[in-house]
Amino acid sequence: MRADGSNILEVLREVRDGWRWRELWMTLGWRDVQSRHRRSRIGPFWNTLSLAFVATCIGSLYGGIMGRPMSEYVPHLVTGYMIWAFLQALVIEGKDSFVSNAAAIREIAVPKTVYVYKALWKNLIILAFNSLVYVAALAIFQVWPFPGIVLLLPALALVLLNGIWVALLLGLINVRYRDLGQLVPNAMRLAFFVTPILWFPEDATGIRTIFVDFNPFYYFIEVLRAPLLGQAPHSLIWFVTIAITLLGWGIAVPIYAHWRRRIAFWV
């Protein structure tokens, strides 16, 4: 498989052109959020209530089991779980970016990255609703997130850049090999338990540290969680997340460039 420079430039232009259709994908993303809670009185706030329930039940249980004070454990849990839900959605819905929009891809001449941006925007909206629980946790446990929270914007931009290449790569593979649609959700369920969300990374000792040191999700959770808790991510966190971003784009773009014209036939 080879992708020449012109094909790669076309992919980058497609990424740029998809952004220019933001009025379309922002509308579609918001409609997806609304349709998910159709005929519900509180609509997307069900996401907020779900996170609040997790924080209350798991926070009181696991905080006691681990011997951590609630003022330390609950903010850690809320931010970690909120970020995990966001990352998981970017991966799972990213792989479905093309499959779930098959009819539109065959009939409407818009850049395919529109469907990637739609998934990102939809999950940013859900993240915003979930952040209400985060704000409540800060108020209850008197956590002051400043000035570290200013690093949230570059960290979020880094995560979204990864969301784009993940959707392009997994979305392309999924239209060709539908077994990926079953593999990814199962893999993400396993990843949840081996990622420091319910537990603290420093609690892993000995050989168990491999679940922290070699877990890419840990780095992306931590690059967002630290600013949300008023801390600055360690330089290693930035280094690894940036390295994964560059590596991911370096792998995804040539593969997508080579096969992207077949998506309309495969879906």
Protein backbone atom coordinates (compact mmCIF):
# COMPACT_ATOMS: atom_id res chain seq x y z
CA MET A 1 0.00 0.00 0.00
CA ARG A 2 1.37 3.40 -1.01
CA ALA A 3 -0.13 6.87 -0.70
CA ASP A 4 1.63 9.61 -2.65
CA GLY A 5 1.96 13.18 -1.49
CA SER A 6 -1.01 14.44 -3.50
CA ASN A 7 -3.35 11.92 -1.88
CA ILE A 8 -2.13 12.89 1.57
CA LEU A 9 -2.68 16.57 0.77
CA GLU A 10 -6.21 15.71 -0.33
CA VAL A 11 -6.88 14.13 3.05
CA LEU A 12 -5.61 17.23 4.84
CA ARG A 13 -7.81 19.38 2.61
CA GLU A 14 -10.74 17.13 3.45
CA VAL A 15 -10.05 17.70 7.14
CA ARG A 16 -9.98 21.45 6.49
CA ASP A 17 -13.09 21.41 4.28
CA GLY A 18 -15.01 19.40 6.85
CA TRP A 19 -14.40 22.21 9.34
CA ARG A 20 -15.89 24.69 6.88
CA TRP A 21 -19.16 22.73 6.99
CA ARG A 22 -19.42 23.37 10.74
CA GLU A 23 -22.92 24.83 10.54
CA LEU A 24 -24.08 21.46 9.18
CA TRP A 25 -22.26 19.15 11.57
CA MET A 26 -23.02 21.30 14.60
CA THR A 27 -26.72 21.12 13.75
CA LEU A 28 -26.58 17.38 13.13
CA GLY A 29 -24.62 16.77 16.32
CA TRP A 30 -27.13 18.67 18.44
CA ARG A 31 -30.01 16.81 16.79
CA ASP A 32 -28.30 13.52 17.65
CA VAL A 33 -28.18 14.57 21.30
CA GLN A 34 -31.85 15.54 21.22
CA SER A 35 -32.98 12.39 19.41
CA ARG A 36 -31.18 10.24 21.97
CA HIS A 37 -33.57 11.58 24.61
CA ARG A 38 -36.67 12.04 22.50
CA ARG A 39 -39.88 12.42 24.54
CA SER A 40 -37.85 12.73 27.72
CA ARG A 41 -38.80 15.65 29.95
CA ILE A 42 -35.26 16.44 31.09
CA GLY A 43 -33.53 15.40 27.86
CA PRO A 44 -29.71 15.43 27.90
CA PHE A 45 -29.70 16.09 31.63
CA TRP A 46 -30.11 12.32 32.03
CA ASN A 47 -26.38 12.16 31.28
CA THR A 48 -25.78 14.55 34.16
CA LEU A 49 -27.96 12.55 36.54
CA SER A 50 -26.24 9.32 35.52
CA LEU A 51 -22.82 10.74 36.39
CA ALA A 52 -24.15 12.15 39.66
CA PHE A 53 -25.48 8.69 40.58
CA VAL A 54 -22.10 7.11 39.80
CA ALA A 55 -20.30 9.73 41.87
CA THR A 56 -22.61 9.21 44.85
CA CYS A 57 -22.72 5.41 44.87
CA ILE A 58 -19.24 4.47 43.70
CA GLY A 59 -17.65 7.42 45.47
CA SER A 60 -19.03 6.44 48.87
CA LEU A 61 -18.24 2.74 48.34
CA TYR A 62 -14.78 2.78 46.75
CA GLY A 63 -13.61 5.80 48.71
CA GLY A 64 -14.23 3.86 51.92
CA ILE A 65 -12.68 0.65 50.57
CA MET A 66 -9.52 2.48 49.51
CA GLY A 67 -9.35 4.49 52.70
CA ARG A 68 -9.35 7.76 50.80
CA PRO A 69 -11.13 10.87 52.13
CA MET A 70 -14.23 11.80 50.11
CA SER A 71 -12.77 15.24 49.43
CA GLU A 72 -9.93 13.54 47.54
CA TYR A 73 -11.64 10.51 46.00
CA VAL A 74 -14.90 11.96 44.66
CA PRO A 75 -13.30 14.77 42.56
CA HIS A 76 -10.82 12.18 41.24
CA LEU A 77 -13.67 9.82 40.35
CA VAL A 78 -15.96 12.46 38.83
CA THR A 79 -13.29 13.93 36.58
CA GLY A 80 -11.91 10.52 35.59
CA TYR A 81 -15.31 8.99 34.84
CA MET A 82 -16.46 12.08 32.95
CA ILE A 83 -13.33 12.10 30.80
CA TRP A 84 -13.49 8.34 30.26
CA ALA A 85 -17.08 8.58 28.99
CA PHE A 86 -15.89 11.24 26.55
CA LEU A 87 -12.88 9.26 25.33
CA GLN A 88 -14.88 6.05 25.04
CA ALA A 89 -17.52 7.79 22.95
CA LEU A 90 -14.86 9.27 20.65
CA VAL A 91 -13.49 5.78 19.99
CA ILE A 92 -16.75 3.84 19.70
CA GLU A 93 -18.68 6.47 17.76
CA GLY A 94 -15.58 7.31 15.75
CA LYS A 95 -15.43 3.80 14.36
CA ASP A 96 -19.09 4.19 13.34
CA SER A 97 -18.63 7.60 11.73
CA PHE A 98 -19.05 6.23 8.22
CA VAL A 99 -21.14 3.11 8.84
CA SER A 100 -23.84 5.01 10.73
CA ASN A 101 -24.03 7.63 7.98
CA ALA A 102 -23.99 5.22 5.04
CA ALA A 103 -27.09 6.63 3.30
CA ALA A 104 -25.83 10.21 3.51
CA ILE A 105 -22.36 9.25 2.25
CA ARG A 106 -23.87 7.59 -0.83
CA GLU A 107 -26.23 10.44 -1.62
CA ILE A 108 -24.76 13.74 -0.36
CA ALA A 109 -21.55 15.26 -1.71
CA VAL A 110 -19.94 16.63 1.45
CA PRO A 111 -16.50 15.89 2.89
CA LYS A 112 -16.59 12.67 4.89
CA THR A 113 -14.87 14.45 7.74
CA VAL A 114 -18.22 16.17 8.34
CA TYR A 115 -19.39 12.94 9.99
CA VAL A 116 -16.25 12.83 12.11
CA TYR A 117 -16.76 16.40 13.30
CA LYS A 118 -20.41 15.64 14.00
CA ALA A 119 -19.41 12.84 16.40
CA LEU A 120 -16.83 15.07 18.11
CA TRP A 121 -19.32 17.92 18.52
CA LYS A 122 -22.06 15.64 19.83
CA ASN A 123 -19.80 14.27 22.52
CA LEU A 124 -18.49 17.71 23.44
CA ILE A 125 -22.11 18.69 24.14
CA ILE A 126 -22.59 15.62 26.34
CA LEU A 127 -19.30 16.44 28.11
CA ALA A 128 -20.65 19.93 28.81
CA PHE A 129 -23.76 18.47 30.47
CA ASN A 130 -21.63 16.08 32.53
CA SER A 131 -19.42 18.95 33.65
CA LEU A 132 -22.29 20.21 35.82
CA VAL A 133 -21.54 17.32 38.20
CA TYR A 134 -17.88 18.30 38.14
CA VAL A 135 -18.76 21.87 39.12
CA ALA A 136 -20.96 20.56 41.93
CA ALA A 137 -18.13 18.33 43.18
CA LEU A 138 -15.75 21.30 43.24
CA ALA A 139 -18.24 23.33 45.25
CA ILE A 140 -19.07 20.56 47.73
CA PHE A 141 -15.47 19.53 48.40
CA GLN A 142 -14.03 23.05 48.03
CA VAL A 143 -11.55 22.23 45.28
CA TRP A 144 -10.06 25.34 43.67
CA PRO A 145 -9.09 24.53 40.04
CA PHE A 146 -7.24 27.76 39.27
CA PRO A 147 -4.78 28.53 37.78
CA GLY A 148 -4.17 24.98 36.51
CA ILE A 149 -7.50 24.82 34.68
CA VAL A 150 -6.18 27.20 31.99
CA LEU A 151 -4.26 24.20 30.63
CA LEU A 152 -7.58 22.48 29.91
CA LEU A 153 -7.97 24.16 26.51
CA PRO A 154 -4.70 22.94 24.96
CA ALA A 155 -5.27 19.51 26.53
CA LEU A 156 -8.79 19.31 25.08
CA ALA A 157 -7.52 20.42 21.67
CA LEU A 158 -4.94 17.63 21.82
CA VAL A 159 -7.61 15.05 22.64
CA LEU A 160 -9.84 16.26 19.81
CA LEU A 161 -6.95 16.02 17.34
CA ASN A 162 -6.62 12.39 18.36
CA GLY A 163 -10.36 11.95 18.01
CA ILE A 164 -10.10 12.94 14.35
CA TRP A 165 -7.40 10.46 13.35
CA VAL A 166 -8.99 7.68 15.42
CA ALA A 167 -12.32 8.20 13.62
CA LEU A 168 -10.68 8.33 10.19
CA LEU A 169 -8.69 5.16 10.80
CA LEU A 170 -11.22 3.06 12.72
CA GLY A 171 -14.11 4.37 10.63
CA LEU A 172 -12.33 3.28 7.46
CA ILE A 173 -11.43 -0.15 8.85
CA ASN A 174 -14.96 -0.66 10.17
CA VAL A 175 -16.65 -0.12 6.81
CA ARG A 176 -14.45 -2.86 5.37
CA TYR A 177 -14.28 -5.26 8.31
CA ARG A 178 -17.47 -5.08 10.39
CA ASP A 179 -16.07 -7.37 13.09
CA LEU A 180 -14.32 -4.28 14.41
CA GLY A 181 -17.73 -3.05 15.49
CA GLN A 182 -17.90 -5.91 18.00
CA LEU A 183 -14.25 -5.87 19.02
CA VAL A 184 -13.88 -2.20 19.97
CA PRO A 185 -16.73 -1.94 22.55
CA ASN A 186 -15.50 -5.10 24.28
CA ALA A 187 -11.94 -3.80 24.33
CA MET A 188 -13.12 -0.48 25.79
CA ARG A 189 -15.00 -2.23 28.59
CA LEU A 190 -11.81 -4.03 29.56
CA ALA A 191 -9.76 -0.85 29.26
CA PHE A 192 -12.05 0.89 31.76
CA PHE A 193 -11.03 -1.44 34.58
CA VAL A 194 -7.29 -1.32 33.88
CA THR A 195 -7.22 2.49 33.60
CA PRO A 196 -6.86 4.69 36.73
CA ILE A 197 -10.46 5.90 36.93
CA LEU A 198 -11.86 4.13 39.98
CA TRP A 199 -8.38 3.88 41.48
CA PHE A 200 -5.31 6.09 41.72
CA PRO A 201 -2.28 5.50 39.46
CA GLU A 202 0.07 5.47 42.44
CA ASP A 203 -1.86 2.52 43.90
CA ALA A 204 -0.46 0.26 41.17
CA THR A 205 2.80 -1.24 42.38
CA GLY A 206 5.26 -3.81 41.08
CA ILE A 207 4.39 -5.37 37.75
CA ARG A 208 0.93 -3.77 37.92
CA THR A 209 2.48 -0.45 36.94
CA ILE A 210 2.35 -1.66 33.32
CA PHE A 211 -1.38 -0.85 33.41
CA VAL A 212 -0.40 2.76 34.01
CA ASP A 213 2.90 3.22 32.19
CA PHE A 214 1.82 1.47 28.97
CA ASN A 215 -1.82 2.50 28.99
CA PRO A 216 -2.45 5.31 26.45
CA PHE A 217 -5.84 6.08 28.01
CA TYR A 218 -4.14 6.95 31.29
CA TYR A 219 -2.16 9.72 29.64
CA PHE A 220 -5.17 11.22 27.88
CA ILE A 221 -7.26 11.07 31.03
CA GLU A 222 -4.51 12.63 33.10
CA VAL A 223 -3.80 15.44 30.62
CA LEU A 224 -7.42 16.55 31.13
CA ARG A 225 -7.96 15.51 34.76
CA ALA A 226 -4.97 17.35 36.19
CA PRO A 227 -6.09 20.82 34.94
CA LEU A 228 -9.66 20.12 36.06
CA LEU A 229 -8.30 19.55 39.58
CA GLY A 230 -6.14 22.66 39.44
CA GLN A 231 -2.88 20.86 38.73
CA ALA A 232 -0.42 20.99 35.86
CA PRO A 233 0.05 17.70 33.98
CA HIS A 234 3.53 16.25 34.35
CA SER A 235 5.85 16.90 31.41
CA LEU A 236 5.85 13.14 30.67
CA ILE A 237 2.06 13.27 30.22
CA TRP A 238 2.41 16.03 27.62
CA PHE A 239 5.26 14.24 25.88
CA VAL A 240 3.41 10.92 25.56
CA THR A 241 0.11 12.45 24.43
CA ILE A 242 1.82 14.61 21.82
CA ALA A 243 3.87 11.63 20.63
CA ILE A 244 0.73 9.49 20.28
CA THR A 245 -0.94 12.34 18.38
CA LEU A 246 1.90 12.63 15.86
CA LEU A 247 2.24 8.86 15.50
CA GLY A 248 -1.51 8.42 15.08
CA TRP A 249 -1.78 11.04 12.35
CA GLY A 250 1.31 9.63 10.68
CA ILE A 251 -0.32 6.19 10.48
CA ALA A 252 -3.94 7.19 9.81
CA VAL A 253 -3.46 9.76 7.04
CA PRO A 254 -1.60 7.53 4.52
CA ILE A 255 -3.99 4.61 5.14
CA TYR A 256 -7.05 6.82 4.79
CA ALA A 257 -5.58 8.52 1.72
CA HIS A 258 -5.13 5.17 -0.01
CA TRP A 259 -8.58 3.71 0.69
CA ARG A 260 -10.92 6.66 1.26
CA ARG A 261 -12.43 6.64 -2.26
CA ARG A 262 -13.79 3.15 -1.62
CA ILE A 263 -15.79 4.11 1.46
CA ALA A 264 -18.91 4.93 -0.54
CA PHE A 265 -18.84 1.45 -2.10
CA TRP A 266 -18.09 -0.40 1.12
CA VAL A 267 -20.75 1.23 3.29
